[in-house]
C-alpha atoms as a PDB file:
ATOM      1  CA  UNK A   1       0.000   0.000   0.000  1.00  0.00           C
ATOM      2  CA  UNK A   2       1.149   3.566  -0.635  1.00  0.00           C
ATOM      3  CA  UNK A   3       1.781   5.909   2.291  1.00  0.00           C
ATOM      4  CA  UNK A   4      -0.791   8.300   0.794  1.00  0.00           C
ATOM      5  CA  UNK A   5      -3.448   5.534   1.200  1.00  0.00           C
ATOM      6  CA  UNK A   6      -2.585   4.648   4.814  1.00  0.00           C
ATOM      7  CA  UNK A   7      -5.468   5.415   7.192  1.00  0.00           C
ATOM      8  CA  UNK A   8      -4.830   8.142   9.754  1.00  0.00           C
ATOM      9  CA  UNK A   9      -3.223   6.696  12.897  1.00  0.00           C
ATOM     10  CA  UNK A  10      -2.647   3.197  11.482  1.00  0.00           C
ATOM     11  CA  UNK A  11       0.797   1.780  12.330  1.00  0.00           C
ATOM     12  CA  UNK A  12       2.967   0.750   9.389  1.00  0.00           C
ATOM     13  CA  UNK A  13       6.591   0.311   8.370  1.00  0.00           C
ATOM     14  CA  UNK A  14       8.314   1.610   5.269  1.00  0.00           C
ATOM     15  CA  UNK A  15       8.831  -1.002   2.575  1.00  0.00           C
ATOM     16  CA  UNK A  16      10.589   1.141  -0.038  1.00  0.00           C
ATOM     17  CA  UNK A  17      10.748   4.495  -1.831  1.00  0.00           C
ATOM     18  CA  UNK A  18      10.027   4.355  -5.567  1.00  0.00           C
ATOM     19  CA  UNK A  19      12.246   6.316  -7.953  1.00  0.00           C
ATOM     20  CA  UNK A  20      10.403   8.069 -10.807  1.00  0.00           C
ATOM     21  CA  UNK A  21      13.635   7.965 -12.852  1.00  0.00           C
ATOM     22  CA  UNK A  22      17.376   7.446 -12.355  1.00  0.00           C
ATOM     23  CA  UNK A  23      18.887   9.851  -9.812  1.00  0.00           C
ATOM     24  CA  UNK A  24      15.408  11.009  -8.695  1.00  0.00           C
ATOM     25  CA  UNK A  25      16.072  13.904  -6.258  1.00  0.00           C
ATOM     26  CA  UNK A  26      12.687  13.643  -4.496  1.00  0.00           C
ATOM     27  CA  UNK A  27      13.088   9.920  -3.805  1.00  0.00           C
ATOM     28  CA  UNK A  28      16.625  10.517  -2.552  1.00  0.00           C
ATOM     29  CA  UNK A  29      15.440  13.344  -0.275  1.00  0.00           C
ATOM     30  CA  UNK A  30      12.759  11.057   1.198  1.00  0.00           C
ATOM     31  CA  UNK A  31      15.441   8.442   1.949  1.00  0.00           C
ATOM     32  CA  UNK A  32      17.650  11.133   3.507  1.00  0.00           C
ATOM     33  CA  UNK A  33      14.733  12.131   5.765  1.00  0.00           C
ATOM     34  CA  UNK A  34      14.507   8.547   7.069  1.00  0.00           C
ATOM     35  CA  UNK A  35      12.009   6.833   4.762  1.00  0.00           C
ATOM     36  CA  UNK A  36      14.013   3.590   4.632  1.00  0.00           C
ATOM     37  CA  UNK A  37      13.029  -0.095   4.787  1.00  0.00           C
ATOM     38  CA  UNK A  38      11.744  -1.157   8.204  1.00  0.00           C
ATOM     39  CA  UNK A  39      11.268   2.334   9.675  1.00  0.00           C
ATOM     40  CA  UNK A  40       7.982   2.781  11.615  1.00  0.00           C
ATOM     41  CA  UNK A  41       5.656   5.365  10.062  1.00  0.00           C
ATOM     42  CA  UNK A  42       2.120   6.693  10.528  1.00  0.00           C
ATOM     43  CA  UNK A  43      -0.152   9.402   9.185  1.00  0.00           C
ATOM     44  CA  UNK A  44      -0.817  11.880  12.005  1.00  0.00           C
ATOM     45  CA  UNK A  45      -3.106  14.334  10.189  1.00  0.00           C
ATOM     46  CA  UNK A  46      -4.563  15.015   6.746  1.00  0.00           C
ATOM     47  CA  UNK A  47      -5.260  18.355   5.071  1.00  0.00           C
ATOM     48  CA  UNK A  48      -8.840  19.643   4.884  1.00  0.00           C
ATOM     49  CA  UNK A  49     -11.211  17.408   2.909  1.00  0.00           C
ATOM     50  CA  UNK A  50      -8.430  14.877   2.310  1.00  0.00           C
ATOM     51  CA  UNK A  51      -6.184  17.378   0.518  1.00  0.00           C
ATOM     52  CA  UNK A  52      -2.493  18.262   0.945  1.00  0.00           C
ATOM     53  CA  UNK A  53      -0.484  18.175   3.099  1.00  0.00           C
ATOM     54  CA  UNK A  54      -0.225  14.931   5.033  1.00  0.00           C
ATOM     55  CA  UNK A  55       1.471  15.116   8.433  1.00  0.00           C
ATOM     56  CA  UNK A  56       3.657  12.008   8.639  1.00  0.00           C
ATOM     57  CA  UNK A  57       5.534  10.730  11.662  1.00  0.00           C
ATOM     58  CA  UNK A  58       8.594   8.612  11.025  1.00  0.00           C
ATOM     59  CA  UNK A  59      10.400   7.575  14.160  1.00  0.00           C
ATOM     60  CA  UNK A  60      10.063  10.583  16.490  1.00  0.00           C
ATOM     61  CA  UNK A  61      10.118  13.188  13.695  1.00  0.00           C
ATOM     62  CA  UNK A  62       7.141  14.674  11.863  1.00  0.00           C
ATOM     63  CA  UNK A  63       7.081  15.890   8.247  1.00  0.00           C
ATOM     64  CA  UNK A  64       4.465  17.545   6.073  1.00  0.00           C
ATOM     65  CA  UNK A  65       4.405  15.807   2.686  1.00  0.00           C
ATOM     66  CA  UNK A  66       2.408  16.379  -0.459  1.00  0.00           C
ATOM     67  CA  UNK A  67       0.253  13.435  -1.524  1.00  0.00           C
ATOM     68  CA  UNK A  68       2.402  13.104  -4.656  1.00  0.00           C
ATOM     69  CA  UNK A  69       5.473  12.604  -2.430  1.00  0.00           C
ATOM     70  CA  UNK A  70       3.684  10.169  -0.100  1.00  0.00           C
ATOM     71  CA  UNK A  71       2.611   8.096  -3.138  1.00  0.00           C
ATOM     72  CA  UNK A  72       6.280   7.300  -3.778  1.00  0.00           C
ATOM     73  CA  UNK A  73       6.563   5.442  -0.449  1.00  0.00           C
ATOM     74  CA  UNK A  74       5.283   1.861  -0.137  1.00  0.00           C
ATOM     75  CA  UNK A  75       4.419   0.727   3.397  1.00  0.00           C
ATOM     76  CA  UNK A  76       3.342  -2.490   5.136  1.00  0.00           C
ATOM     77  CA  UNK A  77       0.497  -1.945   7.573  1.00  0.00           C
ATOM     78  CA  UNK A  78       0.970  -3.577  10.980  1.00  0.00           C
ATOM     79  CA  UNK A  79      -1.512  -4.779  13.585  1.00  0.00           C
ATOM     80  CA  UNK A  80      -2.362  -2.082  16.128  1.00  0.00           C
END
């Protein structure tokens, strides 16, 4: 499942970040921020009416991501 599809508050772990093309700077930036295989992640809040941005917590850090950025991250949902 994509991070952009993860229900608010549901625990998950990062599976991988998808590159749109070779040397994709957005995918690399997501990895630099900590979106790496096995890292715990959850959606904390969603913009009004399901719009941008998504507030994402990875580890103890929170980031605001656009939906288009969150769609690049595949996650595995875990039992609560």
